[in-house]
Amino acid sequence: MKSRTAGSPRFSSFLGVDWSGAKGKSHAGLQLAHARPGKSAPLRVSPPLSKYWSRQQVFDYLVEMAENAKAKAPVLVGIDFAFAHPFVDKDSYFPGIDMSPANALSLWAMVDQVNAGQPDLYGGAMFRHALWGDYYLAPPTYQARHYASRRRITEMAARAAGRSPSPTFKAVGADNVSTGSLAGMRLLHRLKQQLGARLSVWPFDDIVTGQTNLVLVEIFPSFYFYRLGMVPAKKAAADPVFLNQALAGYGSDGVPADFRSMGHDADEADAIIAAAALRHFGTVSSFDLCVDIKVAAQQEGWIFGVPFMPPNDFSGPK
C-alpha cells in the first residue's frame, strides 16, 4: 500500500526556478539552477535551443523531469511565485462574489480558463476581466474597485522571520508579484493535468511514497538572504563574494570568483540561492504542517523554508 510521507522525503536533486510573468515568449529573468545532494554549488541550467527560457519550455522541462524521476527519490522543485491568493482573512479569494473558486485547484483552473489563448502561459487577461479584474491593482486603469492589500498567512510569517513578498493582487511596480503568480497558476494547473499523481504541489497535496516523482514548492529567493541577515539590495546577490557568503549559510560550496549572474536583476543568483536553500530545507525540515496553520496553508500555500509559526494576530480561518 502506498503511504503518505511524514517528515522529509529523500530527494534525488533540487531545482530552483526564478520565475517571470512578463509578456513575450523569451525571458531573461527566467533562470534555473540545479543542485545535487551534498554540498556542491548549484549550477545554471541552460535553456534548449535559445538564449533564454520560455515558460512553456520550463513546463516541458518539468514534465520530462517528472517522467524520468524515481518515486523513491523525487525531485524537489522550488518556483518563485505565489501559489494562491489570500483566502482565510475573508474566507474567499474574491470576497463578495459567489462564483469565487472554493480552493486552490479551482483557482488555478479558473485563471487558466480566463487566459485561454494567451501565449506562453501569460496570465494578464485576469486584469481586464469584467468580474475578476476589479480585484487587481493593474494596468491599464490602475483603478481596481475591490483591490485591498491583503496578505497570506505565510507572508505574515515570512515578514516576522525576515522578509515578505508584495501582495498577490498588486500588479504594478518593481515588486509586482501578481503577473508572475497568475502565469504560475496556469503552469500548476497544466502540470496537474499532465502529470496527475506523479506530481505533488506542496502543501496542497500529500507526498506519497512510491508514487510522487516531482514535488513543487513555493519559494521566495530574497527571503533566503534576509533570514541570514543579508540584504540583497542593488543586485548585491550578483556579487560572487556576497552570494558565496549566503551559500555557505545553507551548507553549500560557492560559485567561482569570476561568476557573472545572468538576467536583469541577479536572476541567476536568485535561482542558485534557491536551489541551495531547497537542498538545505529539504534535508533538515519537515513537510508536516503544524495544526495551527494547516487549513490556511492548504488554501493559500506556504513559502518553503518559512517557519511554521502563525503570526500573533492570526487565530485561524474564520
C-alpha atoms as a PDB file:
ATOM      1  CA  MET A   1       0.000   0.000   0.000  1.00  0.00           C
ATOM      2  CA  LYS A   2       1.223   3.498  -0.820  1.00  0.00           C
ATOM      3  CA  SER A   3       1.672   5.740   2.188  1.00  0.00           C
ATOM      4  CA  ARG A   4       1.885   9.438   2.815  1.00  0.00           C
ATOM      5  CA  THR A   5       5.336  10.714   3.570  1.00  0.00           C
ATOM      6  CA  ALA A   6       5.832  12.251   7.005  1.00  0.00           C
ATOM      7  CA  GLY A   7       8.833  14.401   7.823  1.00  0.00           C
ATOM      8  CA  SER A   8      11.333  14.846   4.993  1.00  0.00           C
ATOM      9  CA  PRO A   9      11.390  12.505   1.994  1.00  0.00           C
ATOM     10  CA  ARG A  10      14.708  11.765   0.304  1.00  0.00           C
ATOM     11  CA  PHE A  11      15.216  13.794  -2.871  1.00  0.00           C
ATOM     12  CA  SER A  12      17.423  12.932  -5.815  1.00  0.00           C
ATOM     13  CA  SER A  13      18.030  16.565  -6.815  1.00  0.00           C
ATOM     14  CA  PHE A  14      16.878  20.152  -6.299  1.00  0.00           C
ATOM     15  CA  LEU A  15      15.834  22.744  -8.881  1.00  0.00           C
ATOM     16  CA  GLY A  16      15.448  26.457  -8.153  1.00  0.00           C
ATOM     17  CA  VAL A  17      13.406  28.474 -10.662  1.00  0.00           C
ATOM     18  CA  ASP A  18      13.480  32.261 -10.658  1.00  0.00           C
ATOM     19  CA  TRP A  19      10.178  32.829 -12.471  1.00  0.00           C
ATOM     20  CA  SER A  20       8.873  35.609 -14.727  1.00  0.00           C
ATOM     21  CA  GLY A  21       5.340  36.735 -15.530  1.00  0.00           C
ATOM     22  CA  ALA A  22       6.316  39.175 -18.286  1.00  0.00           C
ATOM     23  CA  LYS A  23       4.738  39.251 -21.724  1.00  0.00           C
ATOM     24  CA  GLY A  24       6.569  37.589 -24.575  1.00  0.00           C
ATOM     25  CA  LYS A  25       7.996  34.119 -25.137  1.00  0.00           C
ATOM     26  CA  SER A  26      11.613  34.535 -24.064  1.00  0.00           C
ATOM     27  CA  HIS A  27      12.554  35.884 -20.644  1.00  0.00           C
ATOM     28  CA  ALA A  28      15.977  36.948 -19.412  1.00  0.00           C
ATOM     29  CA  GLY A  29      14.586  36.945 -15.881  1.00  0.00           C
ATOM     30  CA  LEU A  30      13.577  33.285 -16.079  1.00  0.00           C
ATOM     31  CA  GLN A  31      16.560  31.379 -14.698  1.00  0.00           C
ATOM     32  CA  LEU A  32      17.014  27.817 -13.465  1.00  0.00           C
ATOM     33  CA  ALA A  33      19.691  26.322 -11.211  1.00  0.00           C
ATOM     34  CA  HIS A  34      20.171  22.675 -10.296  1.00  0.00           C
ATOM     35  CA  ALA A  35      21.722  21.248  -7.129  1.00  0.00           C
ATOM     36  CA  ARG A  36      22.756  17.673  -6.434  1.00  0.00           C
ATOM     37  CA  PRO A  37      22.697  16.097  -2.959  1.00  0.00           C
ATOM     38  CA  GLY A  38      25.780  17.027  -0.986  1.00  0.00           C
ATOM     39  CA  LYS A  39      27.294  20.489  -0.931  1.00  0.00           C
ATOM     40  CA  SER A  40      28.474  21.291  -4.466  1.00  0.00           C
ATOM     41  CA  ALA A  41      27.451  24.707  -5.751  1.00  0.00           C
ATOM     42  CA  PRO A  42      24.190  24.737  -7.756  1.00  0.00           C
ATOM     43  CA  LEU A  43      24.714  25.119 -11.495  1.00  0.00           C
ATOM     44  CA  ARG A  44      22.711  27.128 -14.016  1.00  0.00           C
ATOM     45  CA  VAL A  45      20.515  25.090 -16.343  1.00  0.00           C
ATOM     46  CA  SER A  46      20.753  26.354 -19.918  1.00  0.00           C
ATOM     47  CA  PRO A  47      17.554  26.558 -21.996  1.00  0.00           C
ATOM     48  CA  PRO A  48      17.115  24.393 -25.071  1.00  0.00           C
ATOM     49  CA  LEU A  49      17.736  25.950 -28.480  1.00  0.00           C
ATOM     50  CA  SER A  50      17.665  29.613 -27.427  1.00  0.00           C
ATOM     51  CA  LYS A  51      19.422  32.117 -25.172  1.00  0.00           C
ATOM     52  CA  TYR A  52      16.585  32.417 -22.644  1.00  0.00           C
ATOM     53  CA  TRP A  53      13.871  30.172 -21.301  1.00  0.00           C
ATOM     54  CA  SER A  54      10.208  30.470 -22.166  1.00  0.00           C
ATOM     55  CA  ARG A  55       7.580  29.421 -19.624  1.00  0.00           C
ATOM     56  CA  GLN A  56       6.399  26.684 -21.972  1.00  0.00           C
ATOM     57  CA  GLN A  57       9.943  25.320 -22.104  1.00  0.00           C
ATOM     58  CA  VAL A  58      10.009  25.248 -18.292  1.00  0.00           C
ATOM     59  CA  PHE A  59       6.715  23.333 -18.359  1.00  0.00           C
ATOM     60  CA  ASP A  60       8.192  20.815 -20.819  1.00  0.00           C
ATOM     61  CA  TYR A  61      11.370  20.507 -18.741  1.00  0.00           C
ATOM     62  CA  LEU A  62       9.402  19.791 -15.541  1.00  0.00           C
ATOM     63  CA  VAL A  63       7.276  17.177 -17.297  1.00  0.00           C
ATOM     64  CA  GLU A  64      10.443  15.487 -18.546  1.00  0.00           C
ATOM     65  CA  MET A  65      11.955  15.574 -15.044  1.00  0.00           C
ATOM     66  CA  ALA A  66       8.826  14.003 -13.574  1.00  0.00           C
ATOM     67  CA  GLU A  67       8.764  11.265 -16.190  1.00  0.00           C
ATOM     68  CA  ASN A  68      12.430  10.413 -15.592  1.00  0.00           C
ATOM     69  CA  ALA A  69      12.472  10.715 -11.784  1.00  0.00           C
ATOM     70  CA  LYS A  70      12.045   7.779  -9.430  1.00  0.00           C
ATOM     71  CA  ALA A  71       9.230   7.870  -6.897  1.00  0.00           C
ATOM     72  CA  LYS A  72      11.530   6.553  -4.164  1.00  0.00           C
ATOM     73  CA  ALA A  73      13.669   9.700  -4.575  1.00  0.00           C
ATOM     74  CA  PRO A  74      11.624  12.500  -6.203  1.00  0.00           C
ATOM     75  CA  VAL A  75      12.952  15.819  -7.476  1.00  0.00           C
ATOM     76  CA  LEU A  76      12.246  18.884  -5.324  1.00  0.00           C
ATOM     77  CA  VAL A  77      11.464  21.976  -7.398  1.00  0.00           C
ATOM     78  CA  GLY A  78      11.001  25.481  -5.995  1.00  0.00           C
ATOM     79  CA  ILE A  79       9.403  28.197  -8.136  1.00  0.00           C
ATOM     80  CA  ASP A  80       9.275  31.905  -7.321  1.00  0.00           C
ATOM     81  CA  PHE A  81       5.584  32.860  -7.431  1.00  0.00           C
ATOM     82  CA  ALA A  82       2.590  32.815  -5.088  1.00  0.00           C
ATOM     83  CA  PHE A  83       0.750  29.520  -5.466  1.00  0.00           C
ATOM     84  CA  ALA A  84      -2.578  31.129  -4.458  1.00  0.00           C
ATOM     85  CA  HIS A  85      -4.241  34.355  -3.365  1.00  0.00           C
ATOM     86  CA  PRO A  86      -5.140  35.185   0.247  1.00  0.00           C
ATOM     87  CA  PHE A  87      -8.208  33.305   1.443  1.00  0.00           C
ATOM     88  CA  VAL A  88      -8.566  32.954   5.198  1.00  0.00           C
ATOM     89  CA  ASP A  89      -8.813  36.681   6.000  1.00  0.00           C
ATOM     90  CA  LYS A  90     -12.098  36.972   4.054  1.00  0.00           C
ATOM     91  CA  ASP A  91     -12.965  33.277   3.725  1.00  0.00           C
ATOM     92  CA  SER A  92     -12.659  33.799  -0.044  1.00  0.00           C
ATOM     93  CA  TYR A  93     -10.121  34.545  -2.767  1.00  0.00           C
ATOM     94  CA  PHE A  94     -12.506  37.095  -4.280  1.00  0.00           C
ATOM     95  CA  PRO A  95     -14.832  38.218  -1.458  1.00  0.00           C
ATOM     96  CA  GLY A  96     -18.287  39.330  -2.473  1.00  0.00           C
ATOM     97  CA  ILE A  97     -18.560  37.013  -5.477  1.00  0.00           C
ATOM     98  CA  ASP A  98     -20.492  33.752  -5.162  1.00  0.00           C
ATOM     99  CA  MET A  99     -18.549  32.323  -8.111  1.00  0.00           C
ATOM    100  CA  SER A 100     -15.208  32.732  -6.341  1.00  0.00           C
ATOM    101  CA  PRO A 101     -13.179  29.485  -6.502  1.00  0.00           C
ATOM    102  CA  ALA A 102     -13.530  27.352  -3.383  1.00  0.00           C
ATOM    103  CA  ASN A 103      -9.965  26.021  -3.353  1.00  0.00           C
ATOM    104  CA  ALA A 104      -6.570  26.425  -4.985  1.00  0.00           C
ATOM    105  CA  LEU A 105      -7.171  23.748  -7.608  1.00  0.00           C
ATOM    106  CA  SER A 106     -10.282  25.590  -8.788  1.00  0.00           C
ATOM    107  CA  LEU A 107      -8.413  28.910  -8.689  1.00  0.00           C
ATOM    108  CA  TRP A 108      -5.673  27.571 -10.981  1.00  0.00           C
ATOM    109  CA  ALA A 109      -8.257  26.180 -13.409  1.00  0.00           C
ATOM    110  CA  MET A 110     -10.168  29.467 -13.498  1.00  0.00           C
ATOM    111  CA  VAL A 111      -7.030  31.529 -14.139  1.00  0.00           C
ATOM    112  CA  ASP A 112      -6.029  29.207 -16.965  1.00  0.00           C
ATOM    113  CA  GLN A 113      -9.509  29.376 -18.495  1.00  0.00           C
ATOM    114  CA  VAL A 114      -9.653  33.192 -18.379  1.00  0.00           C
ATOM    115  CA  ASN A 115      -6.264  33.345 -20.104  1.00  0.00           C
ATOM    116  CA  ALA A 116      -7.019  30.746 -22.751  1.00  0.00           C
ATOM    117  CA  GLY A 117      -5.257  31.810 -25.934  1.00  0.00           C
ATOM    118  CA  GLN A 118      -2.674  33.959 -24.154  1.00  0.00           C
ATOM    119  CA  PRO A 119       0.796  32.877 -25.344  1.00  0.00           C
ATOM    120  CA  ASP A 120       3.437  31.223 -23.183  1.00  0.00           C
ATOM    121  CA  LEU A 121       1.190  30.839 -20.117  1.00  0.00           C
ATOM    122  CA  TYR A 122       0.773  34.619 -19.764  1.00  0.00           C
ATOM    123  CA  GLY A 123      -1.832  35.466 -17.108  1.00  0.00           C
ATOM    124  CA  GLY A 124      -2.550  39.157 -17.675  1.00  0.00           C
ATOM    125  CA  ALA A 125      -6.047  38.664 -19.116  1.00  0.00           C
ATOM    126  CA  MET A 126      -7.239  38.499 -15.497  1.00  0.00           C
ATOM    127  CA  PHE A 127      -6.615  42.235 -15.171  1.00  0.00           C
ATOM    128  CA  ARG A 128      -9.100  43.068 -17.931  1.00  0.00           C
ATOM    129  CA  HIS A 129     -11.759  40.546 -16.960  1.00  0.00           C
ATOM    130  CA  ALA A 130     -15.167  42.071 -16.243  1.00  0.00           C
ATOM    131  CA  LEU A 131     -15.535  40.222 -12.926  1.00  0.00           C
ATOM    132  CA  TRP A 132     -12.082  39.386 -11.591  1.00  0.00           C
ATOM    133  CA  GLY A 133     -10.251  42.446 -12.899  1.00  0.00           C
ATOM    134  CA  ASP A 134     -11.653  44.724 -10.191  1.00  0.00           C
ATOM    135  CA  TYR A 135      -9.549  42.916  -7.578  1.00  0.00           C
ATOM    136  CA  TYR A 136      -6.158  43.636  -9.174  1.00  0.00           C
ATOM    137  CA  LEU A 137      -4.227  46.886  -8.958  1.00  0.00           C
ATOM    138  CA  ALA A 138      -3.007  46.722 -12.543  1.00  0.00           C
ATOM    139  CA  PRO A 139      -2.830  48.473 -15.884  1.00  0.00           C
ATOM    140  CA  PRO A 140      -4.497  49.792 -17.908  1.00  0.00           C
ATOM    141  CA  THR A 141      -6.772  51.632 -15.424  1.00  0.00           C
ATOM    142  CA  TYR A 142      -4.984  51.229 -12.058  1.00  0.00           C
ATOM    143  CA  GLN A 143      -8.434  51.722 -10.522  1.00  0.00           C
ATOM    144  CA  ALA A 144      -9.483  48.422  -9.002  1.00  0.00           C
ATOM    145  CA  ARG A 145     -12.742  48.853  -7.071  1.00  0.00           C
ATOM    146  CA  HIS A 146     -12.146  45.803  -4.895  1.00  0.00           C
ATOM    147  CA  TYR A 147      -8.374  45.929  -4.533  1.00  0.00           C
ATOM    148  CA  ALA A 148      -7.055  45.549  -0.991  1.00  0.00           C
ATOM    149  CA  SER A 149      -3.534  44.983   0.306  1.00  0.00           C
ATOM    150  CA  ARG A 150      -4.351  41.526   1.647  1.00  0.00           C
ATOM    151  CA  ARG A 151      -1.726  39.137   2.983  1.00  0.00           C
ATOM    152  CA  ARG A 152      -1.476  35.375   3.100  1.00  0.00           C
ATOM    153  CA  ILE A 153      -0.556  33.747   6.400  1.00  0.00           C
ATOM    154  CA  THR A 154       2.790  32.588   5.008  1.00  0.00           C
ATOM    155  CA  GLU A 155       3.614  36.170   4.005  1.00  0.00           C
ATOM    156  CA  MET A 156       2.944  37.357   7.560  1.00  0.00           C
ATOM    157  CA  ALA A 157       5.173  34.605   8.903  1.00  0.00           C
ATOM    158  CA  ALA A 158       7.877  35.438   6.329  1.00  0.00           C
ATOM    159  CA  ARG A 159       7.801  39.095   7.339  1.00  0.00           C
ATOM    160  CA  ALA A 160       8.228  38.131  11.002  1.00  0.00           C
ATOM    161  CA  ALA A 161      11.175  35.909  10.040  1.00  0.00           C
ATOM    162  CA  GLY A 162      12.942  38.355   7.740  1.00  0.00           C
ATOM    163  CA  ARG A 163      11.214  39.433   4.534  1.00  0.00           C
ATOM    164  CA  SER A 164       7.796  39.264   2.880  1.00  0.00           C
ATOM    165  CA  PRO A 165       6.808  39.446  -0.799  1.00  0.00           C
ATOM    166  CA  SER A 166       4.279  42.006  -2.032  1.00  0.00           C
ATOM    167  CA  PRO A 167       0.514  41.347  -2.035  1.00  0.00           C
ATOM    168  CA  THR A 168      -0.563  38.918  -4.728  1.00  0.00           C
ATOM    169  CA  PHE A 169      -3.210  41.287  -6.135  1.00  0.00           C
ATOM    170  CA  LYS A 170      -0.636  44.057  -6.761  1.00  0.00           C
ATOM    171  CA  ALA A 171       0.457  44.098 -10.420  1.00  0.00           C
ATOM    172  CA  VAL A 172       2.385  47.384 -10.548  1.00  0.00           C
ATOM    173  CA  GLY A 173       5.900  48.451  -9.582  1.00  0.00           C
ATOM    174  CA  ALA A 174       9.218  46.657  -9.376  1.00  0.00           C
ATOM    175  CA  ASP A 175       7.858  44.445  -6.589  1.00  0.00           C
ATOM    176  CA  ASN A 176       4.930  43.214  -8.691  1.00  0.00           C
ATOM    177  CA  VAL A 177       4.309  39.548  -7.942  1.00  0.00           C
ATOM    178  CA  SER A 178       0.850  39.310  -9.448  1.00  0.00           C
ATOM    179  CA  THR A 179       1.733  38.748 -13.114  1.00  0.00           C
ATOM    180  CA  GLY A 180       4.231  36.035 -12.250  1.00  0.00           C
ATOM    181  CA  SER A 181       1.794  34.352  -9.872  1.00  0.00           C
ATOM    182  CA  LEU A 182      -1.014  34.245 -12.439  1.00  0.00           C
ATOM    183  CA  ALA A 183       1.324  32.765 -15.051  1.00  0.00           C
ATOM    184  CA  GLY A 184       2.474  30.324 -12.393  1.00  0.00           C
ATOM    185  CA  MET A 185      -1.065  29.255 -11.541  1.00  0.00           C
ATOM    186  CA  ARG A 186      -1.536  28.379 -15.208  1.00  0.00           C
ATOM    187  CA  LEU A 187       1.655  26.314 -15.008  1.00  0.00           C
ATOM    188  CA  LEU A 188       0.402  24.465 -11.914  1.00  0.00           C
ATOM    189  CA  HIS A 189      -2.964  23.725 -13.500  1.00  0.00           C
ATOM    190  CA  ARG A 190      -1.414  22.279 -16.636  1.00  0.00           C
ATOM    191  CA  LEU A 191       1.197  20.279 -14.747  1.00  0.00           C
ATOM    192  CA  LYS A 192      -1.571  18.727 -12.637  1.00  0.00           C
ATOM    193  CA  GLN A 193      -3.430  17.802 -15.800  1.00  0.00           C
ATOM    194  CA  GLN A 194      -0.332  16.333 -17.436  1.00  0.00           C
ATOM    195  CA  LEU A 195       1.276  14.513 -14.524  1.00  0.00           C
ATOM    196  CA  GLY A 196      -1.587  13.578 -12.216  1.00  0.00           C
ATOM    197  CA  ALA A 197      -0.492  11.670  -9.129  1.00  0.00           C
ATOM    198  CA  ARG A 198       3.192  11.797 -10.108  1.00  0.00           C
ATOM    199  CA  LEU A 199       3.155  15.481  -9.104  1.00  0.00           C
ATOM    200  CA  SER A 200       2.756  16.811  -5.567  1.00  0.00           C
ATOM    201  CA  VAL A 201       2.196  20.555  -5.196  1.00  0.00           C
ATOM    202  CA  TRP A 202       3.017  21.146  -1.549  1.00  0.00           C
ATOM    203  CA  PRO A 203       1.242  21.853   0.779  1.00  0.00           C
ATOM    204  CA  PHE A 204      -1.936  21.257  -1.239  1.00  0.00           C
ATOM    205  CA  ASP A 205      -1.077  17.612  -1.998  1.00  0.00           C
ATOM    206  CA  ASP A 206       0.349  14.769   0.007  1.00  0.00           C
ATOM    207  CA  ILE A 207       3.799  13.474  -0.882  1.00  0.00           C
ATOM    208  CA  VAL A 208       3.080   9.794  -1.427  1.00  0.00           C
ATOM    209  CA  THR A 209       5.857   7.235  -1.112  1.00  0.00           C
ATOM    210  CA  GLY A 210       6.195   5.171  -4.262  1.00  0.00           C
ATOM    211  CA  GLN A 211       4.020   7.498  -6.319  1.00  0.00           C
ATOM    212  CA  THR A 212       5.287  11.099  -6.228  1.00  0.00           C
ATOM    213  CA  ASN A 213       8.050  11.810  -8.755  1.00  0.00           C
ATOM    214  CA  LEU A 214       8.099  15.611  -8.587  1.00  0.00           C
ATOM    215  CA  VAL A 215       7.432  17.867  -5.582  1.00  0.00           C
ATOM    216  CA  LEU A 216       6.756  21.545  -6.292  1.00  0.00           C
ATOM    217  CA  VAL A 217       7.092  24.153  -3.547  1.00  0.00           C
ATOM    218  CA  GLU A 218       6.775  27.930  -3.480  1.00  0.00           C
ATOM    219  CA  ILE A 219       9.989  29.862  -2.893  1.00  0.00           C
ATOM    220  CA  PHE A 220      10.968  33.481  -2.259  1.00  0.00           C
ATOM    221  CA  PRO A 221      14.703  33.903  -3.003  1.00  0.00           C
ATOM    222  CA  SER A 222      15.073  37.239  -1.208  1.00  0.00           C
ATOM    223  CA  PHE A 223      13.851  35.607   1.998  1.00  0.00           C
ATOM    224  CA  TYR A 224      16.724  33.135   1.885  1.00  0.00           C
ATOM    225  CA  PHE A 225      19.179  36.044   2.054  1.00  0.00           C
ATOM    226  CA  TYR A 226      17.267  38.049   4.668  1.00  0.00           C
ATOM    227  CA  ARG A 227      16.921  35.116   7.064  1.00  0.00           C
ATOM    228  CA  LEU A 228      20.750  35.065   7.165  1.00  0.00           C
ATOM    229  CA  GLY A 229      20.839  38.773   7.989  1.00  0.00           C
ATOM    230  CA  MET A 230      21.913  39.687   4.432  1.00  0.00           C
ATOM    231  CA  VAL A 231      20.239  42.390   2.334  1.00  0.00           C
ATOM    232  CA  PRO A 232      20.390  41.622  -1.423  1.00  0.00           C
ATOM    233  CA  ALA A 233      19.682  45.223  -2.460  1.00  0.00           C
ATOM    234  CA  LYS A 234      21.022  46.841  -5.661  1.00  0.00           C
ATOM    235  CA  LYS A 235      21.829  43.475  -7.251  1.00  0.00           C
ATOM    236  CA  ALA A 236      24.114  42.521  -4.359  1.00  0.00           C
ATOM    237  CA  ALA A 237      23.304  38.854  -4.993  1.00  0.00           C
ATOM    238  CA  ALA A 238      25.198  39.085  -8.291  1.00  0.00           C
ATOM    239  CA  ASP A 239      28.469  39.683  -6.391  1.00  0.00           C
ATOM    240  CA  PRO A 240      30.139  36.259  -6.014  1.00  0.00           C
ATOM    241  CA  VAL A 241      31.543  37.174  -2.586  1.00  0.00           C
ATOM    242  CA  PHE A 242      28.069  38.124  -1.319  1.00  0.00           C
ATOM    243  CA  LEU A 243      26.436  35.104  -2.939  1.00  0.00           C
ATOM    244  CA  ASN A 244      29.047  32.716  -1.568  1.00  0.00           C
ATOM    245  CA  GLN A 245      28.518  34.002   1.957  1.00  0.00           C
ATOM    246  CA  ALA A 246      24.822  33.171   1.597  1.00  0.00           C
ATOM    247  CA  LEU A 247      25.533  29.791   0.016  1.00  0.00           C
ATOM    248  CA  ALA A 248      27.761  28.917   2.966  1.00  0.00           C
ATOM    249  CA  GLY A 249      24.794  29.648   5.229  1.00  0.00           C
ATOM    250  CA  TYR A 250      22.993  26.776   3.503  1.00  0.00           C
ATOM    251  CA  GLY A 251      25.953  24.387   3.645  1.00  0.00           C
ATOM    252  CA  SER A 252      26.854  24.869   0.007  1.00  0.00           C
ATOM    253  CA  ASP A 253      30.115  25.388  -1.802  1.00  0.00           C
ATOM    254  CA  GLY A 254      30.487  28.718  -3.580  1.00  0.00           C
ATOM    255  CA  VAL A 255      30.452  29.870  -7.171  1.00  0.00           C
ATOM    256  CA  PRO A 256      33.733  30.739  -8.951  1.00  0.00           C
ATOM    257  CA  ALA A 257      35.297  34.149  -8.345  1.00  0.00           C
ATOM    258  CA  ASP A 258      34.575  35.145 -11.953  1.00  0.00           C
ATOM    259  CA  PHE A 259      30.847  34.362 -11.639  1.00  0.00           C
ATOM    260  CA  ARG A 260      28.594  36.797 -13.513  1.00  0.00           C
ATOM    261  CA  SER A 261      24.872  36.468 -12.904  1.00  0.00           C
ATOM    262  CA  MET A 262      22.594  36.257 -15.932  1.00  0.00           C
ATOM    263  CA  GLY A 263      19.275  38.115 -16.014  1.00  0.00           C
ATOM    264  CA  HIS A 264      18.291  41.724 -15.483  1.00  0.00           C
ATOM    265  CA  ASP A 265      18.294  41.662 -11.675  1.00  0.00           C
ATOM    266  CA  ALA A 266      20.654  38.953 -10.399  1.00  0.00           C
ATOM    267  CA  ASP A 267      18.083  36.373 -11.525  1.00  0.00           C
ATOM    268  CA  GLU A 268      20.590  33.542 -11.933  1.00  0.00           C
ATOM    269  CA  ALA A 269      21.943  34.244  -8.452  1.00  0.00           C
ATOM    270  CA  ASP A 270      18.393  34.025  -7.082  1.00  0.00           C
ATOM    271  CA  ALA A 271      17.917  30.644  -8.750  1.00  0.00           C
ATOM    272  CA  ILE A 272      21.245  29.451  -7.304  1.00  0.00           C
ATOM    273  CA  ILE A 273      20.488  30.512  -3.725  1.00  0.00           C
ATOM    274  CA  ALA A 274      17.021  28.989  -4.077  1.00  0.00           C
ATOM    275  CA  ALA A 275      18.457  25.633  -5.163  1.00  0.00           C
ATOM    276  CA  ALA A 276      20.863  25.644  -2.214  1.00  0.00           C
ATOM    277  CA  ALA A 277      18.050  26.574   0.198  1.00  0.00           C
ATOM    278  CA  LEU A 278      15.847  23.824  -1.229  1.00  0.00           C
ATOM    279  CA  ARG A 279      18.607  21.289  -0.613  1.00  0.00           C
ATOM    280  CA  HIS A 280      19.105  22.581   2.926  1.00  0.00           C
ATOM    281  CA  PHE A 281      15.453  22.752   3.960  1.00  0.00           C
ATOM    282  CA  GLY A 282      14.551  19.622   2.012  1.00  0.00           C
ATOM    283  CA  THR A 283      17.052  17.731   4.140  1.00  0.00           C
ATOM    284  CA  VAL A 284      16.604  19.231   7.593  1.00  0.00           C
ATOM    285  CA  SER A 285      12.962  20.374   7.639  1.00  0.00           C
ATOM    286  CA  SER A 286       9.695  18.554   7.960  1.00  0.00           C
ATOM    287  CA  PHE A 287       6.963  18.823   5.360  1.00  0.00           C
ATOM    288  CA  ASP A 288       4.346  18.306   8.058  1.00  0.00           C
ATOM    289  CA  LEU A 289       2.403  21.495   8.807  1.00  0.00           C
ATOM    290  CA  CYS A 290       1.528  22.425  12.365  1.00  0.00           C
ATOM    291  CA  VAL A 291      -2.171  22.217  13.131  1.00  0.00           C
ATOM    292  CA  ASP A 292      -2.499  25.992  13.680  1.00  0.00           C
ATOM    293  CA  ILE A 293      -1.737  26.810  10.057  1.00  0.00           C
ATOM    294  CA  LYS A 294      -2.526  23.620   8.125  1.00  0.00           C
ATOM    295  CA  VAL A 295      -6.004  24.657   6.949  1.00  0.00           C
ATOM    296  CA  ALA A 296      -4.784  28.118   5.931  1.00  0.00           C
ATOM    297  CA  ALA A 297      -1.743  26.734   4.093  1.00  0.00           C
ATOM    298  CA  GLN A 298      -3.850  24.283   2.132  1.00  0.00           C
ATOM    299  CA  GLN A 299      -5.963  27.192   0.873  1.00  0.00           C
ATOM    300  CA  GLU A 300      -3.190  29.767   0.368  1.00  0.00           C
ATOM    301  CA  GLY A 301       0.078  27.846   0.039  1.00  0.00           C
ATOM    302  CA  TRP A 302       3.263  28.213   2.060  1.00  0.00           C
ATOM    303  CA  ILE A 303       6.710  29.609   1.206  1.00  0.00           C
ATOM    304  CA  PHE A 304       9.184  26.769   1.644  1.00  0.00           C
ATOM    305  CA  GLY A 305      11.621  27.451   4.463  1.00  0.00           C
ATOM    306  CA  VAL A 306       9.440  29.967   6.304  1.00  0.00           C
ATOM    307  CA  PRO A 307       8.943  28.753   9.898  1.00  0.00           C
ATOM    308  CA  PHE A 308       5.611  27.067  10.624  1.00  0.00           C
ATOM    309  CA  MET A 309       4.653  29.706  13.158  1.00  0.00           C
ATOM    310  CA  PRO A 310       1.338  31.547  12.932  1.00  0.00           C
ATOM    311  CA  PRO A 311       1.583  35.317  13.426  1.00  0.00           C
ATOM    312  CA  ASN A 312       0.311  36.661  16.754  1.00  0.00           C
ATOM    313  CA  ASP A 313      -2.673  38.330  15.076  1.00  0.00           C
ATOM    314  CA  PHE A 314      -3.840  35.127  13.388  1.00  0.00           C
ATOM    315  CA  SER A 315      -6.282  32.870  15.177  1.00  0.00           C
ATOM    316  CA  GLY A 316      -7.164  30.522  12.346  1.00  0.00           C
ATOM    317  CA  PRO A 317      -9.675  30.572   9.497  1.00  0.00           C
ATOM    318  CA  LYS A 318     -12.849  32.496  10.156  1.00  0.00           C
END
